[in-house]
Amino acid sequence: MTTFTATALQGETVDALVWRVLGAGSGTVEQVLDLNRDIAALGPVLPEGHPVSLPLLLTPEAPARAIVHLWD
């Protein structure tokens, strides 16, 4: 799995960091916890500046959609 590192902001939780950086939630937080096994020992709020490994999410390309113009 390809990863990259993000830095926690003041008062940030793991799920808030995941949402801020990746724009994802369900399922991704669990992947982050698997990548950072020691992070739970830090408590619910991460220390400011703590590095967190995040998975590189690959988003599938959306299929092309035809645009319908009602009055053309």
C-alpha atoms as a PDB file:
ATOM      1  CA  MET A   1       0.000   0.000   0.000  1.00  0.00           C
ATOM      2  CA  THR A   2       1.347   3.409  -0.935  1.00  0.00           C
ATOM      3  CA  THR A   3       1.335   5.931   1.903  1.00  0.00           C
ATOM      4  CA  PHE A   4       2.235   9.531   2.636  1.00  0.00           C
ATOM      5  CA  THR A   5       2.592  11.527   5.835  1.00  0.00           C
ATOM      6  CA  ALA A   6       0.371  14.305   7.176  1.00  0.00           C
ATOM      7  CA  THR A   7       0.872  16.407  10.295  1.00  0.00           C
ATOM      8  CA  ALA A   8      -1.797  16.773  12.969  1.00  0.00           C
ATOM      9  CA  LEU A   9      -3.121  20.246  13.733  1.00  0.00           C
ATOM     10  CA  GLN A  10      -3.840  21.505  17.247  1.00  0.00           C
ATOM     11  CA  GLY A  11      -6.808  19.688  18.810  1.00  0.00           C
ATOM     12  CA  GLU A  12      -7.231  17.306  15.870  1.00  0.00           C
ATOM     13  CA  THR A  13      -8.483  13.735  16.154  1.00  0.00           C
ATOM     14  CA  VAL A  14      -7.589  10.915  13.759  1.00  0.00           C
ATOM     15  CA  ASP A  15     -10.956  11.024  12.018  1.00  0.00           C
ATOM     16  CA  ALA A  16     -10.786  14.828  11.655  1.00  0.00           C
ATOM     17  CA  LEU A  17      -7.293  14.568  10.150  1.00  0.00           C
ATOM     18  CA  VAL A  18      -8.450  11.876   7.723  1.00  0.00           C
ATOM     19  CA  TRP A  19     -11.419  13.998   6.662  1.00  0.00           C
ATOM     20  CA  ARG A  20      -9.302  17.170   6.305  1.00  0.00           C
ATOM     21  CA  VAL A  21      -6.531  15.558   4.260  1.00  0.00           C
ATOM     22  CA  LEU A  22      -8.314  12.789   2.345  1.00  0.00           C
ATOM     23  CA  GLY A  23     -11.932  13.920   2.368  1.00  0.00           C
ATOM     24  CA  ALA A  24     -12.855  10.369   3.362  1.00  0.00           C
ATOM     25  CA  GLY A  25     -14.248   8.756   6.457  1.00  0.00           C
ATOM     26  CA  SER A  26     -15.793   5.321   6.711  1.00  0.00           C
ATOM     27  CA  GLY A  27     -13.230   2.558   6.312  1.00  0.00           C
ATOM     28  CA  THR A  28     -10.323   4.950   5.823  1.00  0.00           C
ATOM     29  CA  VAL A  29      -9.921   5.714   9.541  1.00  0.00           C
ATOM     30  CA  GLU A  30      -9.511   1.990  10.172  1.00  0.00           C
ATOM     31  CA  GLN A  31      -6.772   1.831   7.498  1.00  0.00           C
ATOM     32  CA  VAL A  32      -4.993   4.753   9.183  1.00  0.00           C
ATOM     33  CA  LEU A  33      -5.181   3.032  12.564  1.00  0.00           C
ATOM     34  CA  ASP A  34      -3.688  -0.117  11.003  1.00  0.00           C
ATOM     35  CA  LEU A  35      -0.836   1.917   9.510  1.00  0.00           C
ATOM     36  CA  ASN A  36      -0.172   3.741  12.809  1.00  0.00           C
ATOM     37  CA  ARG A  37      -0.411   1.002  15.444  1.00  0.00           C
ATOM     38  CA  ASP A  38       0.953   3.222  18.253  1.00  0.00           C
ATOM     39  CA  ILE A  39      -1.392   6.156  17.642  1.00  0.00           C
ATOM     40  CA  ALA A  40      -4.146   4.916  19.991  1.00  0.00           C
ATOM     41  CA  ALA A  41      -1.766   5.315  22.949  1.00  0.00           C
ATOM     42  CA  LEU A  42      -1.731   9.089  22.304  1.00  0.00           C
ATOM     43  CA  GLY A  43      -5.384   9.448  23.294  1.00  0.00           C
ATOM     44  CA  PRO A  44      -8.354  10.810  21.346  1.00  0.00           C
ATOM     45  CA  VAL A  45      -6.703  14.146  20.487  1.00  0.00           C
ATOM     46  CA  LEU A  46      -3.406  13.971  18.626  1.00  0.00           C
ATOM     47  CA  PRO A  47      -0.486  16.121  19.754  1.00  0.00           C
ATOM     48  CA  GLU A  48       0.029  19.103  17.456  1.00  0.00           C
ATOM     49  CA  GLY A  49       2.652  18.328  14.821  1.00  0.00           C
ATOM     50  CA  HIS A  50       2.463  14.540  15.237  1.00  0.00           C
ATOM     51  CA  PRO A  51       3.188  12.782  11.921  1.00  0.00           C
ATOM     52  CA  VAL A  52       0.503  10.350  10.729  1.00  0.00           C
ATOM     53  CA  SER A  53       0.903   7.894   7.844  1.00  0.00           C
ATOM     54  CA  LEU A  54      -2.086   7.957   5.497  1.00  0.00           C
ATOM     55  CA  PRO A  55      -2.979   5.620   2.636  1.00  0.00           C
ATOM     56  CA  LEU A  56      -2.915   7.018  -0.866  1.00  0.00           C
ATOM     57  CA  LEU A  57      -6.516   6.611  -2.005  1.00  0.00           C
ATOM     58  CA  LEU A  58      -7.116   5.931  -5.651  1.00  0.00           C
ATOM     59  CA  THR A  59     -10.424   7.303  -6.817  1.00  0.00           C
ATOM     60  CA  PRO A  60     -12.038   5.632  -9.801  1.00  0.00           C
ATOM     61  CA  GLU A  61     -12.755   7.870 -12.737  1.00  0.00           C
ATOM     62  CA  ALA A  62     -16.388   8.805 -13.016  1.00  0.00           C
ATOM     63  CA  PRO A  63     -17.991   7.721 -16.280  1.00  0.00           C
ATOM     64  CA  ALA A  64     -18.626  10.507 -18.782  1.00  0.00           C
ATOM     65  CA  ARG A  65     -22.171  11.794 -18.634  1.00  0.00           C
ATOM     66  CA  ALA A  66     -24.054  13.311 -21.525  1.00  0.00           C
ATOM     67  CA  ILE A  67     -25.305  16.810 -20.845  1.00  0.00           C
ATOM     68  CA  VAL A  68     -28.938  17.365 -21.661  1.00  0.00           C
ATOM     69  CA  HIS A  69     -30.027  20.905 -22.565  1.00  0.00           C
ATOM     70  CA  LEU A  70     -33.782  21.230 -22.212  1.00  0.00           C
ATOM     71  CA  TRP A  71     -34.273  24.228 -24.500  1.00  0.00           C
ATOM     72  CA  ASP A  72     -31.788  23.573 -27.306  1.00  0.00           C
END
